[in-house]
């Protein structure tokens, strides 16, 4: 599965949290992939 998200330029790190049925999580760091015209 591909994931994509936009944040403010001040964001330093984004973690994807994958949550199991029992509530446990595993995290995956997203890669900074570009900047939009609005600075996001």
ModelCIF file with pLDDT and N, C-alpha, C, O atoms, coordinates in Angstrom:
data_MODEL
#
_entry.id   MODEL 
#
_entity.id                         1 
_entity.type                       polymer 
_entity.pdbx_number_of_molecules   1 
#
_entity_poly.entity_id                      1 
_entity_poly.type                           'polypeptide(L)' 
_entity_poly.nstd_linkage                   no 
_entity_poly.nstd_monomer                   no 
_entity_poly.pdbx_seq_one_letter_code       
;(UNK)(UNK)(UNK)(UNK)(UNK)(UNK)(UNK)(UNK)(UNK)(UNK)(UNK)(UNK)(UNK)(UNK)(UNK)(UNK)
(UNK)(UNK)(UNK)(UNK)(UNK)(UNK)(UNK)(UNK)(UNK)(UNK)(UNK)(UNK)(UNK)(UNK)(UNK)(UNK)
(UNK)(UNK)(UNK)(UNK)(UNK)(UNK)(UNK)(UNK)
;
_entity_poly.pdbx_seq_one_letter_code_can   XXXXXXXXXXXXXXXXXXXXXXXXXXXXXXXXXXXXXXXX 
_entity_poly.pdbx_strand_id                 A 
#
loop_
_entity_poly_seq.entity_id 
_entity_poly_seq.num 
_entity_poly_seq.mon_id 
_entity_poly_seq.hetero 
1 1  UNK n 
1 2  UNK n 
1 3  UNK n 
1 4  UNK n 
1 5  UNK n 
1 6  UNK n 
1 7  UNK n 
1 8  UNK n 
1 9  UNK n 
1 10 UNK n 
1 11 UNK n 
1 12 UNK n 
1 13 UNK n 
1 14 UNK n 
1 15 UNK n 
1 16 UNK n 
1 17 UNK n 
1 18 UNK n 
1 19 UNK n 
1 20 UNK n 
1 21 UNK n 
1 22 UNK n 
1 23 UNK n 
1 24 UNK n 
1 25 UNK n 
1 26 UNK n 
1 27 UNK n 
1 28 UNK n 
1 29 UNK n 
1 30 UNK n 
1 31 UNK n 
1 32 UNK n 
1 33 UNK n 
1 34 UNK n 
1 35 UNK n 
1 36 UNK n 
1 37 UNK n 
1 38 UNK n 
1 39 UNK n 
1 40 UNK n 
#
_struct_asym.id          A 
_struct_asym.entity_id   1 
#
loop_
_ma_qa_metric.id 
_ma_qa_metric.mode 
_ma_qa_metric.name 
_ma_qa_metric.software_group_id 
_ma_qa_metric.type 
1 global pLDDT . pLDDT 
2 local  pLDDT . pLDDT 
#
_ma_qa_metric_global.metric_id      1 
_ma_qa_metric_global.metric_value   93.30 
_ma_qa_metric_global.model_id       1 
_ma_qa_metric_global.ordinal_id     1 
#
loop_
_ma_qa_metric_local.label_asym_id 
_ma_qa_metric_local.label_comp_id 
_ma_qa_metric_local.label_seq_id 
_ma_qa_metric_local.metric_id 
_ma_qa_metric_local.metric_value 
_ma_qa_metric_local.model_id 
_ma_qa_metric_local.ordinal_id 
A UNK 1  2 96.00 1 1  
A UNK 2  2 96.00 1 2  
A UNK 3  2 97.00 1 3  
A UNK 4  2 97.00 1 4  
A UNK 5  2 97.00 1 5  
A UNK 6  2 97.00 1 6  
A UNK 7  2 97.00 1 7  
A UNK 8  2 97.00 1 8  
A UNK 9  2 96.00 1 9  
A UNK 10 2 97.00 1 10 
A UNK 11 2 97.00 1 11 
A UNK 12 2 97.00 1 12 
A UNK 13 2 98.00 1 13 
A UNK 14 2 98.00 1 14 
A UNK 15 2 98.00 1 15 
A UNK 16 2 98.00 1 16 
A UNK 17 2 98.00 1 17 
A UNK 18 2 98.00 1 18 
A UNK 19 2 97.00 1 19 
A UNK 20 2 94.00 1 20 
A UNK 21 2 88.00 1 21 
A UNK 22 2 90.00 1 22 
A UNK 23 2 91.00 1 23 
A UNK 24 2 94.00 1 24 
A UNK 25 2 95.00 1 25 
A UNK 26 2 96.00 1 26 
A UNK 27 2 97.00 1 27 
A UNK 28 2 97.00 1 28 
A UNK 29 2 98.00 1 29 
A UNK 30 2 98.00 1 30 
A UNK 31 2 97.00 1 31 
A UNK 32 2 95.00 1 32 
A UNK 33 2 90.00 1 33 
A UNK 34 2 85.00 1 34 
A UNK 35 2 85.00 1 35 
A UNK 36 2 76.00 1 36 
A UNK 37 2 71.00 1 37 
A UNK 38 2 75.00 1 38 
A UNK 39 2 83.00 1 39 
A UNK 40 2 91.00 1 40 
#
loop_
_atom_site.group_PDB 
_atom_site.id 
_atom_site.type_symbol 
_atom_site.label_atom_id 
_atom_site.label_alt_id 
_atom_site.label_comp_id 
_atom_site.label_asym_id 
_atom_site.label_entity_id 
_atom_site.label_seq_id 
_atom_site.pdbx_PDB_ins_code 
_atom_site.Cartn_x 
_atom_site.Cartn_y 
_atom_site.Cartn_z 
_atom_site.occupancy 
_atom_site.B_iso_or_equiv 
_atom_site.pdbx_formal_charge 
_atom_site.auth_seq_id 
_atom_site.auth_comp_id 
_atom_site.auth_asym_id 
_atom_site.auth_atom_id 
_atom_site.pdbx_PDB_model_num 
ATOM 1   N N  . UNK A 1 1  ? 0.844  -1.196 0.000  1.00 96.00 ? 1  UNK A N  1 
ATOM 2   C CA . UNK A 1 1  ? 0.000  0.000  0.000  1.00 96.00 ? 1  UNK A CA 1 
ATOM 3   C C  . UNK A 1 1  ? 0.873  1.238  0.000  1.00 96.00 ? 1  UNK A C  1 
ATOM 4   O O  . UNK A 1 1  ? 1.813  1.349  0.787  1.00 96.00 ? 1  UNK A O  1 
ATOM 5   N N  . UNK A 1 2  ? 0.555  2.171  -0.893 1.00 96.00 ? 2  UNK A N  1 
ATOM 6   C CA . UNK A 1 2  ? 1.234  3.468  -0.934 1.00 96.00 ? 2  UNK A CA 1 
ATOM 7   C C  . UNK A 1 2  ? 0.497  4.437  -0.022 1.00 96.00 ? 2  UNK A C  1 
ATOM 8   O O  . UNK A 1 2  ? -0.732 4.420  0.051  1.00 96.00 ? 2  UNK A O  1 
ATOM 9   N N  . UNK A 1 3  ? 1.237  5.262  0.657  1.00 97.00 ? 3  UNK A N  1 
ATOM 10  C CA . UNK A 1 3  ? 0.675  6.289  1.528  1.00 97.00 ? 3  UNK A CA 1 
ATOM 11  C C  . UNK A 1 3  ? 1.276  7.637  1.150  1.00 97.00 ? 3  UNK A C  1 
ATOM 12  O O  . UNK A 1 3  ? 2.468  7.728  0.855  1.00 97.00 ? 3  UNK A O  1 
ATOM 13  N N  . UNK A 1 4  ? 0.453  8.683  1.160  1.00 97.00 ? 4  UNK A N  1 
ATOM 14  C CA . UNK A 1 4  ? 0.938  10.033 0.874  1.00 97.00 ? 4  UNK A CA 1 
ATOM 15  C C  . UNK A 1 4  ? 0.189  11.028 1.739  1.00 97.00 ? 4  UNK A C  1 
ATOM 16  O O  . UNK A 1 4  ? -1.023 10.912 1.924  1.00 97.00 ? 4  UNK A O  1 
ATOM 17  N N  . UNK A 1 5  ? 0.907  12.004 2.267  1.00 97.00 ? 5  UNK A N  1 
ATOM 18  C CA . UNK A 1 5  ? 0.358  12.972 3.210  1.00 97.00 ? 5  UNK A CA 1 
ATOM 19  C C  . UNK A 1 5  ? 1.038  14.313 2.995  1.00 97.00 ? 5  UNK A C  1 
ATOM 20  O O  . UNK A 1 5  ? 2.208  14.361 2.614  1.00 97.00 ? 5  UNK A O  1 
ATOM 21  N N  . UNK A 1 6  ? 0.318  15.403 3.237  1.00 97.00 ? 6  UNK A N  1 
ATOM 22  C CA . UNK A 1 6  ? 0.899  16.749 3.175  1.00 97.00 ? 6  UNK A CA 1 
ATOM 23  C C  . UNK A 1 6  ? 0.946  17.345 4.575  1.00 97.00 ? 6  UNK A C  1 
ATOM 24  O O  . UNK A 1 6  ? 0.030  17.154 5.375  1.00 97.00 ? 6  UNK A O  1 
ATOM 25  N N  . UNK A 1 7  ? 2.021  18.068 4.863  1.00 97.00 ? 7  UNK A N  1 
ATOM 26  C CA . UNK A 1 7  ? 2.173  18.750 6.151  1.00 97.00 ? 7  UNK A CA 1 
ATOM 27  C C  . UNK A 1 7  ? 2.729  20.150 5.923  1.00 97.00 ? 7  UNK A C  1 
ATOM 28  O O  . UNK A 1 7  ? 3.079  20.532 4.806  1.00 97.00 ? 7  UNK A O  1 
ATOM 29  N N  . UNK A 1 8  ? 2.797  20.887 7.002  1.00 97.00 ? 8  UNK A N  1 
ATOM 30  C CA . UNK A 1 8  ? 3.459  22.187 6.977  1.00 97.00 ? 8  UNK A CA 1 
ATOM 31  C C  . UNK A 1 8  ? 4.951  21.987 6.751  1.00 97.00 ? 8  UNK A C  1 
ATOM 32  O O  . UNK A 1 8  ? 5.485  20.931 7.091  1.00 97.00 ? 8  UNK A O  1 
ATOM 33  N N  . UNK A 1 9  ? 5.642  22.986 6.180  1.00 96.00 ? 9  UNK A N  1 
ATOM 34  C CA . UNK A 1 9  ? 7.079  22.833 5.921  1.00 96.00 ? 9  UNK A CA 1 
ATOM 35  C C  . UNK A 1 9  ? 7.905  22.660 7.190  1.00 96.00 ? 9  UNK A C  1 
ATOM 36  O O  . UNK A 1 9  ? 9.025  22.151 7.134  1.00 96.00 ? 9  UNK A O  1 
ATOM 37  N N  . UNK A 1 10 ? 7.367  23.077 8.328  1.00 97.00 ? 10 UNK A N  1 
ATOM 38  C CA . UNK A 1 10 ? 8.121  22.966 9.582  1.00 97.00 ? 10 UNK A CA 1 
ATOM 39  C C  . UNK A 1 10 ? 8.150  21.546 10.131 1.00 97.00 ? 10 UNK A C  1 
ATOM 40  O O  . UNK A 1 10 ? 8.913  21.258 11.053 1.00 97.00 ? 10 UNK A O  1 
ATOM 41  N N  . UNK A 1 11 ? 7.318  20.642 9.572  1.00 97.00 ? 11 UNK A N  1 
ATOM 42  C CA . UNK A 1 11 ? 7.316  19.260 10.049 1.00 97.00 ? 11 UNK A CA 1 
ATOM 43  C C  . UNK A 1 11 ? 8.688  18.631 9.824  1.00 97.00 ? 11 UNK A C  1 
ATOM 44  O O  . UNK A 1 11 ? 9.289  18.798 8.763  1.00 97.00 ? 11 UNK A O  1 
ATOM 45  N N  . UNK A 1 12 ? 9.175  17.907 10.829 1.00 97.00 ? 12 UNK A N  1 
ATOM 46  C CA . UNK A 1 12 ? 10.525 17.343 10.773 1.00 97.00 ? 12 UNK A CA 1 
ATOM 47  C C  . UNK A 1 12 ? 10.531 15.848 10.469 1.00 97.00 ? 12 UNK A C  1 
ATOM 48  O O  . UNK A 1 12 ? 11.511 15.318 9.944  1.00 97.00 ? 12 UNK A O  1 
ATOM 49  N N  . UNK A 1 13 ? 9.437  15.176 10.800 1.00 98.00 ? 13 UNK A N  1 
ATOM 50  C CA . UNK A 1 13 ? 9.388  13.728 10.618 1.00 98.00 ? 13 UNK A CA 1 
ATOM 51  C C  . UNK A 1 13 ? 7.927  13.294 10.628 1.00 98.00 ? 13 UNK A C  1 
ATOM 52  O O  . UNK A 1 13 ? 7.126  13.836 11.389 1.00 98.00 ? 13 UNK A O  1 
ATOM 53  N N  . UNK A 1 14 ? 7.573  12.323 9.790  1.00 98.00 ? 14 UNK A N  1 
ATOM 54  C CA . UNK A 1 14 ? 6.215  11.780 9.761  1.00 98.00 ? 14 UNK A CA 1 
ATOM 55  C C  . UNK A 1 14 ? 6.288  10.273 9.899  1.00 98.00 ? 14 UNK A C  1 
ATOM 56  O O  . UNK A 1 14 ? 6.977  9.600  9.133  1.00 98.00 ? 14 UNK A O  1 
ATOM 57  N N  . UNK A 1 15 ? 5.566  9.744  10.889 1.00 98.00 ? 15 UNK A N  1 
ATOM 58  C CA . UNK A 1 15 ? 5.492  8.306  11.106 1.00 98.00 ? 15 UNK A CA 1 
ATOM 59  C C  . UNK A 1 15 ? 4.108  7.794  10.717 1.00 98.00 ? 15 UNK A C  1 
ATOM 60  O O  . UNK A 1 15 ? 3.092  8.347  11.137 1.00 98.00 ? 15 UNK A O  1 
ATOM 61  N N  . UNK A 1 16 ? 4.081  6.743  9.920  1.00 98.00 ? 16 UNK A N  1 
ATOM 62  C CA . UNK A 1 16 ? 2.846  6.012  9.646  1.00 98.00 ? 16 UNK A CA 1 
ATOM 63  C C  . UNK A 1 16 ? 2.667  4.975  10.739 1.00 98.00 ? 16 UNK A C  1 
ATOM 64  O O  . UNK A 1 16 ? 3.570  4.178  10.992 1.00 98.00 ? 16 UNK A O  1 
ATOM 65  N N  . UNK A 1 17 ? 1.513  4.977  11.389 1.00 98.00 ? 17 UNK A N  1 
ATOM 66  C CA . UNK A 1 17 ? 1.221  4.015  12.448 1.00 98.00 ? 17 UNK A CA 1 
ATOM 67  C C  . UNK A 1 17 ? 0.242  2.978  11.914 1.00 98.00 ? 17 UNK A C  1 
ATOM 68  O O  . UNK A 1 17 ? -0.892 3.317  11.577 1.00 98.00 ? 17 UNK A O  1 
ATOM 69  N N  . UNK A 1 18 ? 0.660  1.732  11.832 1.00 98.00 ? 18 UNK A N  1 
ATOM 70  C CA . UNK A 1 18 ? -0.177 0.621  11.393 1.00 98.00 ? 18 UNK A CA 1 
ATOM 71  C C  . UNK A 1 18 ? -0.630 -0.116 12.642 1.00 98.00 ? 18 UNK A C  1 
ATOM 72  O O  . UNK A 1 18 ? 0.190  -0.646 13.391 1.00 98.00 ? 18 UNK A O  1 
ATOM 73  N N  . UNK A 1 19 ? -1.926 -0.147 12.861 1.00 97.00 ? 19 UNK A N  1 
ATOM 74  C CA . UNK A 1 19 ? -2.478 -0.634 14.126 1.00 97.00 ? 19 UNK A CA 1 
ATOM 75  C C  . UNK A 1 19 ? -3.176 -1.964 13.893 1.00 97.00 ? 19 UNK A C  1 
ATOM 76  O O  . UNK A 1 19 ? -4.012 -2.085 12.998 1.00 97.00 ? 19 UNK A O  1 
ATOM 77  N N  . UNK A 1 20 ? -2.831 -2.964 14.703 1.00 94.00 ? 20 UNK A N  1 
ATOM 78  C CA . UNK A 1 20 ? -3.441 -4.283 14.607 1.00 94.00 ? 20 UNK A CA 1 
ATOM 79  C C  . UNK A 1 20 ? -4.778 -4.301 15.331 1.00 94.00 ? 20 UNK A C  1 
ATOM 80  O O  . UNK A 1 20 ? -5.153 -3.345 16.009 1.00 94.00 ? 20 UNK A O  1 
ATOM 81  N N  . UNK A 1 21 ? -5.489 -5.414 15.170 1.00 88.00 ? 21 UNK A N  1 
ATOM 82  C CA . UNK A 1 21 ? -6.808 -5.552 15.786 1.00 88.00 ? 21 UNK A CA 1 
ATOM 83  C C  . UNK A 1 21 ? -6.743 -5.473 17.303 1.00 88.00 ? 21 UNK A C  1 
ATOM 84  O O  . UNK A 1 21 ? -7.707 -5.050 17.941 1.00 88.00 ? 21 UNK A O  1 
ATOM 85  N N  . UNK A 1 22 ? -5.613 -5.878 17.893 1.00 90.00 ? 22 UNK A N  1 
ATOM 86  C CA . UNK A 1 22 ? -5.490 -5.837 19.354 1.00 90.00 ? 22 UNK A CA 1 
ATOM 87  C C  . UNK A 1 22 ? -4.961 -4.503 19.858 1.00 90.00 ? 22 UNK A C  1 
ATOM 88  O O  . UNK A 1 22 ? -4.700 -4.349 21.051 1.00 90.00 ? 22 UNK A O  1 
ATOM 89  N N  . UNK A 1 23 ? -4.798 -3.517 18.941 1.00 91.00 ? 23 UNK A N  1 
ATOM 90  C CA . UNK A 1 23 ? -4.376 -2.179 19.338 1.00 91.00 ? 23 UNK A CA 1 
ATOM 91  C C  . UNK A 1 23 ? -2.886 -1.949 19.317 1.00 91.00 ? 23 UNK A C  1 
ATOM 92  O O  . UNK A 1 23 ? -2.436 -0.843 19.613 1.00 91.00 ? 23 UNK A O  1 
ATOM 93  N N  . UNK A 1 24 ? -2.099 -2.964 18.973 1.00 94.00 ? 24 UNK A N  1 
ATOM 94  C CA . UNK A 1 24 ? -0.652 -2.767 18.896 1.00 94.00 ? 24 UNK A CA 1 
ATOM 95  C C  . UNK A 1 24 ? -0.288 -2.052 17.593 1.00 94.00 ? 24 UNK A C  1 
ATOM 96  O O  . UNK A 1 24 ? -0.959 -2.223 16.575 1.00 94.00 ? 24 UNK A O  1 
ATOM 97  N N  . UNK A 1 25 ? 0.770  -1.256 17.634 1.00 95.00 ? 25 UNK A N  1 
ATOM 98  C CA . UNK A 1 25 ? 1.166  -0.488 16.464 1.00 95.00 ? 25 UNK A CA 1 
ATOM 99  C C  . UNK A 1 25 ? 2.579  -0.834 16.019 1.00 95.00 ? 25 UNK A C  1 
ATOM 100 O O  . UNK A 1 25 ? 3.426  -1.220 16.824 1.00 95.00 ? 25 UNK A O  1 
ATOM 101 N N  . UNK A 1 26 ? 2.807  -0.689 14.747 1.00 96.00 ? 26 UNK A N  1 
ATOM 102 C CA . UNK A 1 26 ? 4.168  -0.638 14.223 1.00 96.00 ? 26 UNK A CA 1 
ATOM 103 C C  . UNK A 1 26 ? 4.261  0.617  13.381 1.00 96.00 ? 26 UNK A C  1 
ATOM 104 O O  . UNK A 1 26 ? 3.290  1.006  12.733 1.00 96.00 ? 26 UNK A O  1 
ATOM 105 N N  . UNK A 1 27 ? 5.410  1.247  13.386 1.00 97.00 ? 27 UNK A N  1 
ATOM 106 C CA . UNK A 1 27 ? 5.554  2.536  12.715 1.00 97.00 ? 27 UNK A CA 1 
ATOM 107 C C  . UNK A 1 27 ? 6.527  2.427  11.552 1.00 97.00 ? 27 UNK A C  1 
ATOM 108 O O  . UNK A 1 27 ? 7.480  1.648  11.580 1.00 97.00 ? 27 UNK A O  1 
ATOM 109 N N  . UNK A 1 28 ? 6.261  3.228  10.534 1.00 97.00 ? 28 UNK A N  1 
ATOM 110 C CA . UNK A 1 28 ? 7.107  3.314  9.343  1.00 97.00 ? 28 UNK A CA 1 
ATOM 111 C C  . UNK A 1 28 ? 7.304  4.792  9.036  1.00 97.00 ? 28 UNK A C  1 
ATOM 112 O O  . UNK A 1 28 ? 6.333  5.546  8.969  1.00 97.00 ? 28 UNK A O  1 
ATOM 113 N N  . UNK A 1 29 ? 8.531  5.206  8.853  1.00 98.00 ? 29 UNK A N  1 
ATOM 114 C CA . UNK A 1 29 ? 8.801  6.598  8.523  1.00 98.00 ? 29 UNK A CA 1 
ATOM 115 C C  . UNK A 1 29 ? 8.488  6.868  7.058  1.00 98.00 ? 29 UNK A C  1 
ATOM 116 O O  . UNK A 1 29 ? 8.828  6.077  6.178  1.00 98.00 ? 29 UNK A O  1 
ATOM 117 N N  . UNK A 1 30 ? 7.833  8.002  6.811  1.00 98.00 ? 30 UNK A N  1 
ATOM 118 C CA . UNK A 1 30 ? 7.585  8.454  5.448  1.00 98.00 ? 30 UNK A CA 1 
ATOM 119 C C  . UNK A 1 30 ? 8.771  9.271  4.960  1.00 98.00 ? 30 UNK A C  1 
ATOM 120 O O  . UNK A 1 30 ? 9.520  9.835  5.758  1.00 98.00 ? 30 UNK A O  1 
ATOM 121 N N  . UNK A 1 31 ? 8.934  9.328  3.646  1.00 97.00 ? 31 UNK A N  1 
ATOM 122 C CA . UNK A 1 31 ? 10.026 10.063 3.026  1.00 97.00 ? 31 UNK A CA 1 
ATOM 123 C C  . UNK A 1 31 ? 9.529  11.420 2.554  1.00 97.00 ? 31 UNK A C  1 
ATOM 124 O O  . UNK A 1 31 ? 8.463  11.528 1.948  1.00 97.00 ? 31 UNK A O  1 
ATOM 125 N N  . UNK A 1 32 ? 10.310 12.450 2.835  1.00 95.00 ? 32 UNK A N  1 
ATOM 126 C CA . UNK A 1 32 ? 9.978  13.787 2.348  1.00 95.00 ? 32 UNK A CA 1 
ATOM 127 C C  . UNK A 1 32 ? 10.163 13.810 0.835  1.00 95.00 ? 32 UNK A C  1 
ATOM 128 O O  . UNK A 1 32 ? 11.266 13.577 0.340  1.00 95.00 ? 32 UNK A O  1 
ATOM 129 N N  . UNK A 1 33 ? 9.066  14.096 0.085  1.00 90.00 ? 33 UNK A N  1 
ATOM 130 C CA . UNK A 1 33 ? 9.093  13.860 -1.358 1.00 90.00 ? 33 UNK A CA 1 
ATOM 131 C C  . UNK A 1 33 ? 8.929  15.107 -2.211 1.00 90.00 ? 33 UNK A C  1 
ATOM 132 O O  . UNK A 1 33 ? 8.960  14.999 -3.437 1.00 90.00 ? 33 UNK A O  1 
ATOM 133 N N  . UNK A 1 34 ? 8.756  16.276 -1.629 1.00 85.00 ? 34 UNK A N  1 
ATOM 134 C CA . UNK A 1 34 ? 8.606  17.461 -2.464 1.00 85.00 ? 34 UNK A CA 1 
ATOM 135 C C  . UNK A 1 34 ? 7.846  18.554 -1.745 1.00 85.00 ? 34 UNK A C  1 
ATOM 136 O O  . UNK A 1 34 ? 7.248  18.341 -0.690 1.00 85.00 ? 34 UNK A O  1 
ATOM 137 N N  . UNK A 1 35 ? 7.888  19.736 -2.351 1.00 85.00 ? 35 UNK A N  1 
ATOM 138 C CA . UNK A 1 35 ? 7.224  20.894 -1.760 1.00 85.00 ? 35 UNK A CA 1 
ATOM 139 C C  . UNK A 1 35 ? 6.266  21.486 -2.777 1.00 85.00 ? 35 UNK A C  1 
ATOM 140 O O  . UNK A 1 35 ? 6.611  21.649 -3.947 1.00 85.00 ? 35 UNK A O  1 
ATOM 141 N N  . UNK A 1 36 ? 5.048  21.808 -2.323 1.00 76.00 ? 36 UNK A N  1 
ATOM 142 C CA . UNK A 1 36 ? 4.039  22.382 -3.195 1.00 76.00 ? 36 UNK A CA 1 
ATOM 143 C C  . UNK A 1 36 ? 4.163  23.883 -3.322 1.00 76.00 ? 36 UNK A C  1 
ATOM 144 O O  . UNK A 1 36 ? 4.967  24.518 -2.639 1.00 76.00 ? 36 UNK A O  1 
ATOM 145 N N  . UNK A 1 37 ? 3.351  24.443 -4.210 1.00 71.00 ? 37 UNK A N  1 
ATOM 146 C CA . UNK A 1 37 ? 3.385  25.885 -4.440 1.00 71.00 ? 37 UNK A CA 1 
ATOM 147 C C  . UNK A 1 37 ? 3.032  26.666 -3.185 1.00 71.00 ? 37 UNK A C  1 
ATOM 148 O O  . UNK A 1 37 ? 3.515  27.781 -2.989 1.00 71.00 ? 37 UNK A O  1 
ATOM 149 N N  . UNK A 1 38 ? 2.191  26.084 -2.333 1.00 75.00 ? 38 UNK A N  1 
ATOM 150 C CA . UNK A 1 38 ? 1.795  26.778 -1.115 1.00 75.00 ? 38 UNK A CA 1 
ATOM 151 C C  . UNK A 1 38 ? 2.777  26.605 0.023  1.00 75.00 ? 38 UNK A C  1 
ATOM 152 O O  . UNK A 1 38 ? 2.542  27.110 1.121  1.00 75.00 ? 38 UNK A O  1 
ATOM 153 N N  . UNK A 1 39 ? 3.904  25.883 -0.223 1.00 83.00 ? 39 UNK A N  1 
ATOM 154 C CA . UNK A 1 39 ? 4.895  25.671 0.819  1.00 83.00 ? 39 UNK A CA 1 
ATOM 155 C C  . UNK A 1 39 ? 4.692  24.383 1.585  1.00 83.00 ? 39 UNK A C  1 
ATOM 156 O O  . UNK A 1 39 ? 5.565  23.998 2.364  1.00 83.00 ? 39 UNK A O  1 
ATOM 157 N N  . UNK A 1 40 ? 3.566  23.697 1.393  1.00 91.00 ? 40 UNK A N  1 
ATOM 158 C CA . UNK A 1 40 ? 3.315  22.447 2.085  1.00 91.00 ? 40 UNK A CA 1 
ATOM 159 C C  . UNK A 1 40 ? 4.240  21.361 1.529  1.00 91.00 ? 40 UNK A C  1 
ATOM 160 O O  . UNK A 1 40 ? 4.191  20.217 1.979  1.00 91.00 ? 40 UNK A O  1 
#
